[in-house]
C-alpha atoms as a PDB file:
ATOM      1  CA  MET A   1      11.111  -2.215   3.528  1.00  0.00           C
ATOM      2  CA  SER A   2      10.345   1.230   4.748  1.00  0.00           C
ATOM      3  CA  ARG A   3      13.268   3.506   5.061  1.00  0.00           C
ATOM      4  CA  PRO A   4      13.608   5.710   8.115  1.00  0.00           C
ATOM      5  CA  LEU A   5      13.334   9.301   7.143  1.00  0.00           C
ATOM      6  CA  SER A   6      16.336  11.139   8.619  1.00  0.00           C
ATOM      7  CA  LYS A   7      16.687  14.822   8.237  1.00  0.00           C
ATOM      8  CA  GLU A   8      19.096  14.389   5.288  1.00  0.00           C
ATOM      9  CA  SER A   9      17.141  11.589   3.543  1.00  0.00           C
ATOM     10  CA  ARG A  10      13.514  12.421   4.254  1.00  0.00           C
ATOM     11  CA  ILE A  11      12.850  12.267   0.565  1.00  0.00           C
ATOM     12  CA  PRO A  12      13.180   8.791  -1.064  1.00  0.00           C
ATOM     13  CA  ALA A  13      14.922   8.345  -4.472  1.00  0.00           C
ATOM     14  CA  LYS A  14      12.989   8.463  -7.683  1.00  0.00           C
ATOM     15  CA  LEU A  15      12.381   5.222  -9.445  1.00  0.00           C
ATOM     16  CA  LYS A  16      13.933   4.519 -12.904  1.00  0.00           C
ATOM     17  CA  VAL A  17      11.897   2.717 -15.469  1.00  0.00           C
ATOM     18  CA  ASP A  18      13.322  -0.773 -16.046  1.00  0.00           C
ATOM     19  CA  LYS A  19      13.013  -1.388 -19.760  1.00  0.00           C
ATOM     20  CA  ASN A  20      13.186  -5.116 -19.057  1.00  0.00           C
ATOM     21  CA  PHE A  21      10.317  -5.032 -16.540  1.00  0.00           C
ATOM     22  CA  GLN A  22       8.292  -8.273 -16.725  1.00  0.00           C
ATOM     23  CA  PRO A  23       4.832  -8.075 -15.172  1.00  0.00           C
ATOM     24  CA  CYS A  24       3.941 -10.605 -12.527  1.00  0.00           C
ATOM     25  CA  THR A  25       2.158 -13.478 -14.152  1.00  0.00           C
ATOM     26  CA  VAL A  26      -1.363 -14.365 -13.196  1.00  0.00           C
ATOM     27  CA  GLU A  27      -2.767 -17.780 -12.803  1.00  0.00           C
ATOM     28  CA  VAL A  28      -6.500 -18.549 -12.857  1.00  0.00           C
ATOM     29  CA  GLU A  29      -6.731 -19.043  -9.111  1.00  0.00           C
ATOM     30  CA  ASP A  30      -4.504 -16.164  -8.070  1.00  0.00           C
ATOM     31  CA  GLU A  31      -5.891 -13.403  -5.780  1.00  0.00           C
ATOM     32  CA  LEU A  32      -5.436  -9.970  -7.165  1.00  0.00           C
ATOM     33  CA  TYR A  33      -5.839  -6.544  -5.613  1.00  0.00           C
ATOM     34  CA  ALA A  34      -6.498  -3.440  -7.709  1.00  0.00           C
ATOM     35  CA  ASN A  35      -5.715  -0.026  -6.359  1.00  0.00           C
ATOM     36  CA  GLY A  36      -6.762   2.040  -9.366  1.00  0.00           C
ATOM     37  CA  ILE A  37      -4.652   1.034 -12.313  1.00  0.00           C
ATOM     38  CA  PHE A  38      -2.078  -0.601  -9.963  1.00  0.00           C
ATOM     39  CA  GLU A  39      -3.135  -4.362  -9.788  1.00  0.00           C
ATOM     40  CA  PHE A  40      -0.950  -6.529  -7.554  1.00  0.00           C
ATOM     41  CA  ASN A  41      -0.805 -10.353  -7.598  1.00  0.00           C
ATOM     42  CA  ILE A  42      -1.439 -11.051  -3.921  1.00  0.00           C
ATOM     43  CA  THR A  43      -0.935 -14.808  -4.262  1.00  0.00           C
ATOM     44  CA  ARG A  44       2.605 -14.496  -5.536  1.00  0.00           C
ATOM     45  CA  PHE A  45       3.255 -11.479  -3.220  1.00  0.00           C
ATOM     46  CA  LEU A  46       2.356 -13.587  -0.115  1.00  0.00           C
ATOM     47  CA  ALA A  47       4.408 -16.510  -1.360  1.00  0.00           C
ATOM     48  CA  PHE A  48       7.431 -14.324  -1.720  1.00  0.00           C
ATOM     49  CA  ILE A  49       6.963 -12.836   1.669  1.00  0.00           C
ATOM     50  CA  GLU A  50       6.626 -16.272   3.229  1.00  0.00           C
ATOM     51  CA  ALA A  51       9.856 -17.286   1.668  1.00  0.00           C
ATOM     52  CA  HIS A  52      11.574 -14.163   2.927  1.00  0.00           C
ATOM     53  CA  ALA A  53       9.726 -13.629   6.171  1.00  0.00           C
ATOM     54  CA  GLU A  54      12.812 -12.347   8.035  1.00  0.00           C
ATOM     55  CA  ALA A  55      13.014  -9.426   5.681  1.00  0.00           C
ATOM     56  CA  PHE A  56       9.310  -8.443   6.403  1.00  0.00           C
ATOM     57  CA  PRO A  57       8.732  -8.511  10.179  1.00  0.00           C
ATOM     58  CA  ILE A  58       5.242  -8.519  11.582  1.00  0.00           C
ATOM     59  CA  GLU A  59       4.315  -5.232  13.178  1.00  0.00           C
ATOM     60  CA  LEU A  60       1.270  -4.184  15.167  1.00  0.00           C
ATOM     61  CA  ILE A  61      -0.493  -1.476  13.292  1.00  0.00           C
ATOM     62  CA  ALA A  62      -3.059   0.768  14.923  1.00  0.00           C
ATOM     63  CA  LEU A  63      -6.432   0.344  13.272  1.00  0.00           C
ATOM     64  CA  ALA A  64      -6.794   4.154  13.470  1.00  0.00           C
ATOM     65  CA  ASP A  65      -3.927   4.419  11.066  1.00  0.00           C
ATOM     66  CA  ILE A  66      -5.651   2.265   8.370  1.00  0.00           C
ATOM     67  CA  PRO A  67      -8.348   4.238   6.502  1.00  0.00           C
ATOM     68  CA  ASP A  68     -11.840   2.756   6.957  1.00  0.00           C
ATOM     69  CA  TYR A  69     -13.541   2.704   3.612  1.00  0.00           C
ATOM     70  CA  GLY A  70     -16.436   0.671   5.077  1.00  0.00           C
ATOM     71  CA  GLY A  71     -16.900  -3.052   4.994  1.00  0.00           C
ATOM     72  CA  SER A  72     -20.262  -3.101   3.466  1.00  0.00           C
ATOM     73  CA  ARG A  73     -18.992  -4.661   0.177  1.00  0.00           C
ATOM     74  CA  LEU A  74     -17.177  -7.474   2.062  1.00  0.00           C
ATOM     75  CA  ASP A  75     -18.630 -10.973   2.194  1.00  0.00           C
ATOM     76  CA  GLU A  76     -20.234 -11.272   5.694  1.00  0.00           C
ATOM     77  CA  GLN A  77     -19.333 -15.012   6.120  1.00  0.00           C
ATOM     78  CA  THR A  78     -15.691 -14.407   5.156  1.00  0.00           C
ATOM     79  CA  LEU A  79     -15.578 -11.510   7.440  1.00  0.00           C
ATOM     80  CA  ARG A  80     -16.857 -13.513  10.479  1.00  0.00           C
ATOM     81  CA  MET A  81     -14.363 -16.279   9.799  1.00  0.00           C
ATOM     82  CA  ALA A  82     -11.308 -13.948   9.135  1.00  0.00           C
ATOM     83  CA  ASP A  83      -8.246 -15.085  11.068  1.00  0.00           C
ATOM     84  CA  LEU A  84      -7.094 -12.048  13.093  1.00  0.00           C
ATOM     85  CA  SER A  85      -3.801 -13.643  13.885  1.00  0.00           C
ATOM     86  CA  ARG A  86      -2.790 -13.747  10.168  1.00  0.00           C
ATOM     87  CA  PRO A  87      -1.000 -10.560   9.284  1.00  0.00           C
ATOM     88  CA  ALA A  88      -2.394  -8.101   6.836  1.00  0.00           C
ATOM     89  CA  LEU A  89      -0.289  -6.682   4.021  1.00  0.00           C
ATOM     90  CA  MET A  90       0.429  -3.013   3.595  1.00  0.00           C
ATOM     91  CA  ALA A  91       2.413  -1.666   0.594  1.00  0.00           C
ATOM     92  CA  GLU A  92       4.088   1.766   0.265  1.00  0.00           C
ATOM     93  CA  ILE A  93       2.061   3.240  -2.539  1.00  0.00           C
ATOM     94  CA  ALA A  94       3.378   6.714  -2.103  1.00  0.00           C
ATOM     95  CA  PRO A  95       6.478   7.741  -0.157  1.00  0.00           C
ATOM     96  CA  GLY A  96       5.780   7.091   3.540  1.00  0.00           C
ATOM     97  CA  GLN A  97       2.159   6.163   2.777  1.00  0.00           C
ATOM     98  CA  TYR A  98       1.189   2.489   3.155  1.00  0.00           C
ATOM     99  CA  ASN A  99      -2.035   1.142   1.897  1.00  0.00           C
ATOM    100  CA  LEU A 100      -3.821  -2.083   2.959  1.00  0.00           C
ATOM    101  CA  ILE A 101      -3.692  -4.425  -0.087  1.00  0.00           C
ATOM    102  CA  ASP A 102      -4.498  -7.708   1.648  1.00  0.00           C
ATOM    103  CA  GLY A 103      -6.418  -8.298   4.875  1.00  0.00           C
ATOM    104  CA  HIS A 104      -9.613  -6.261   4.333  1.00  0.00           C
ATOM    105  CA  HIS A 105     -11.724  -8.822   5.953  1.00  0.00           C
ATOM    106  CA  ARG A 106      -9.350  -9.201   8.955  1.00  0.00           C
ATOM    107  CA  VAL A 107      -9.238  -5.417   9.448  1.00  0.00           C
ATOM    108  CA  ALA A 108     -13.038  -5.150   9.226  1.00  0.00           C
ATOM    109  CA  ARG A 109     -13.516  -7.915  11.753  1.00  0.00           C
ATOM    110  CA  ALA A 110     -10.928  -6.301  14.062  1.00  0.00           C
ATOM    111  CA  ARG A 111     -12.879  -3.034  13.877  1.00  0.00           C
ATOM    112  CA  ARG A 112     -16.149  -4.795  14.483  1.00  0.00           C
ATOM    113  CA  GLU A 113     -14.498  -6.409  17.636  1.00  0.00           C
ATOM    114  CA  ARG A 114     -13.180  -3.110  18.747  1.00  0.00           C
ATOM    115  CA  ALA A 115      -9.524  -4.164  18.580  1.00  0.00           C
ATOM    116  CA  LEU A 116      -6.943  -1.410  18.630  1.00  0.00           C
ATOM    117  CA  THR A 117      -4.261  -3.057  16.426  1.00  0.00           C
ATOM    118  CA  VAL A 118      -3.813  -5.741  13.855  1.00  0.00           C
ATOM    119  CA  PRO A 119      -0.695  -7.676  12.900  1.00  0.00           C
ATOM    120  CA  ALA A 120       0.642  -6.549   9.486  1.00  0.00           C
ATOM    121  CA  ARG A 121       3.706  -6.680   7.250  1.00  0.00           C
ATOM    122  CA  LYS A 122       4.707  -3.402   5.623  1.00  0.00           C
ATOM    123  CA  ILE A 123       6.386  -3.701   2.264  1.00  0.00           C
ATOM    124  CA  GLY A 124       8.193  -0.650   0.919  1.00  0.00           C
ATOM    125  CA  CYS A 125       8.873   0.566  -2.541  1.00  0.00           C
ATOM    126  CA  PRO A 126      10.408  -0.757  -4.673  1.00  0.00           C
ATOM    127  CA  GLU A 127      10.017  -4.292  -3.279  1.00  0.00           C
ATOM    128  CA  HIS A 128       6.278  -4.521  -4.187  1.00  0.00           C
ATOM    129  CA  VAL A 129       6.764  -3.287  -7.817  1.00  0.00           C
ATOM    130  CA  ALA A 130       7.606  -6.852  -8.987  1.00  0.00           C
ATOM    131  CA  PHE A 131       4.085  -7.861  -8.205  1.00  0.00           C
ATOM    132  CA  LEU A 132       2.312  -5.435 -10.515  1.00  0.00           C
ATOM    133  CA  THR A 133       0.453  -7.412 -13.204  1.00  0.00           C
ATOM    134  CA  SER A 134       0.958  -5.176 -16.285  1.00  0.00           C
ATOM    135  CA  THR A 135       3.668  -3.070 -17.890  1.00  0.00           C
ATOM    136  CA  THR A 136       1.275  -0.125 -18.148  1.00  0.00           C
ATOM    137  CA  ALA A 137       0.576  -0.282 -14.417  1.00  0.00           C
ATOM    138  CA  TYR A 138       4.236  -0.454 -13.784  1.00  0.00           C
ATOM    139  CA  GLU A 139       5.126   2.469 -15.951  1.00  0.00           C
ATOM    140  CA  LYS A 140       2.186   4.559 -14.453  1.00  0.00           C
ATOM    141  CA  TYR A 141       3.373   3.626 -10.920  1.00  0.00           C
ATOM    142  CA  VAL A 142       6.976   4.834 -11.644  1.00  0.00           C
ATOM    143  CA  GLU A 143       5.419   8.057 -12.914  1.00  0.00           C
ATOM    144  CA  TYR A 144       3.106   8.356  -9.887  1.00  0.00           C
ATOM    145  CA  TRP A 145       5.930   7.695  -7.355  1.00  0.00           C
ATOM    146  CA  ASN A 146       8.240  10.091  -9.046  1.00  0.00           C
ATOM    147  CA  GLY A 147       5.561  12.792  -9.017  1.00  0.00           C
ATOM    148  CA  LYS A 148       5.108  12.362  -5.291  1.00  0.00           C
ATOM    149  CA  VAL A 149       8.836  12.579  -4.744  1.00  0.00           C
ATOM    150  CA  ARG A 150       8.877  15.878  -6.831  1.00  0.00           C
ATOM    151  CA  GLU A 151       5.962  17.139  -4.585  1.00  0.00           C
ATOM    152  CA  MET A 152       7.962  16.335  -1.464  1.00  0.00           C
ATOM    153  CA  ARG A 153      11.099  18.066  -2.855  1.00  0.00           C
ATOM    154  CA  ALA A 154       9.034  21.154  -3.644  1.00  0.00           C
ATOM    155  CA  GLY A 155       7.411  20.999  -0.232  1.00  0.00           C
ATOM    156  CA  PHE A 156      10.722  20.943   1.604  1.00  0.00           C
ATOM    157  CA  GLY A 157      11.659  24.170   0.048  1.00  0.00           C
ATOM    158  CA  ASN A 158       8.747  25.874   1.765  1.00  0.00           C
ATOM    159  CA  SER A 159       9.020  26.300   5.537  1.00  0.00           C
ATOM    160  CA  ASP A 160       5.198  25.829   5.895  1.00  0.00           C
ATOM    161  CA  THR A 161       5.323  22.306   4.453  1.00  0.00           C
ATOM    162  CA  GLY A 162       7.361  19.149   4.843  1.00  0.00           C
ATOM    163  CA  ILE A 163       6.564  15.543   5.300  1.00  0.00           C
ATOM    164  CA  SER A 164       3.339  16.274   7.365  1.00  0.00           C
ATOM    165  CA  GLY A 165       2.192  18.736   4.690  1.00  0.00           C
ATOM    166  CA  PHE A 166       2.929  16.206   1.984  1.00  0.00           C
ATOM    167  CA  ARG A 167       1.026  13.450   3.814  1.00  0.00           C
ATOM    168  CA  ALA A 168      -1.966  15.695   4.400  1.00  0.00           C
ATOM    169  CA  ARG A 169      -2.064  16.619   0.674  1.00  0.00           C
ATOM    170  CA  HIS A 170      -1.628  12.918  -0.285  1.00  0.00           C
ATOM    171  CA  LEU A 171      -4.482  11.866   1.996  1.00  0.00           C
ATOM    172  CA  ARG A 172      -6.766  14.648   0.575  1.00  0.00           C
ATOM    173  CA  ASP A 173      -5.792  13.644  -2.929  1.00  0.00           C
ATOM    174  CA  ARG A 174      -6.464   9.879  -2.151  1.00  0.00           C
ATOM    175  CA  ARG A 175      -9.841  10.581  -0.580  1.00  0.00           C
ATOM    176  CA  SER A 176     -10.891  12.528  -3.720  1.00  0.00           C
ATOM    177  CA  GLU A 177      -9.729   9.677  -5.926  1.00  0.00           C
ATOM    178  CA  ILE A 178     -11.708   7.142  -3.928  1.00  0.00           C
ATOM    179  CA  HIS A 179     -14.906   9.238  -3.983  1.00  0.00           C
ATOM    180  CA  GLU A 180     -14.558   9.596  -7.843  1.00  0.00           C
ATOM    181  CA  GLU A 181     -13.910   5.853  -8.169  1.00  0.00           C
ATOM    182  CA  ALA A 182     -17.007   5.171  -6.014  1.00  0.00           C
ATOM    183  CA  LYS A 183     -19.231   7.239  -8.330  1.00  0.00           C
ATOM    184  CA  THR A 184     -18.333   5.094 -11.357  1.00  0.00           C
END
């Protein structure tokens, strides 16, 4: 779950590598979502959330707050049939930054229909880490998260930066990563 960022605790804790980490197993029919090297088992993730729904309340998220990477690669029939009442899934990939990891067709349909919001569940770090499908992805994620925490700590030492400066840098970095991935 996301943690409120009070003045004293604006910066989340670093993650510690769990030497006993076991990647989430993948069955043949499981739906997976890859965000760079970070691959999540969406099927198991959703089953866990359903079993613990009270811990992951549904929120209305403004579509303007969900980056639009275009829906041209999405299957048109699936997009037309997307159930807008079913909540999307957003995971805290960097401190305070939630990425859409399930519900791309629903979000694209909602945009097409000019909706302003979509229902979604936001899952904070470290809850989503258990659904990474490889040890390498897990270790890289811990490294990535801790790097973002270090950036935030450095930013808070400078009066010109802070959480908003951190978010702006993160969004700029993420856009660059996406453009580089699109080239390959």
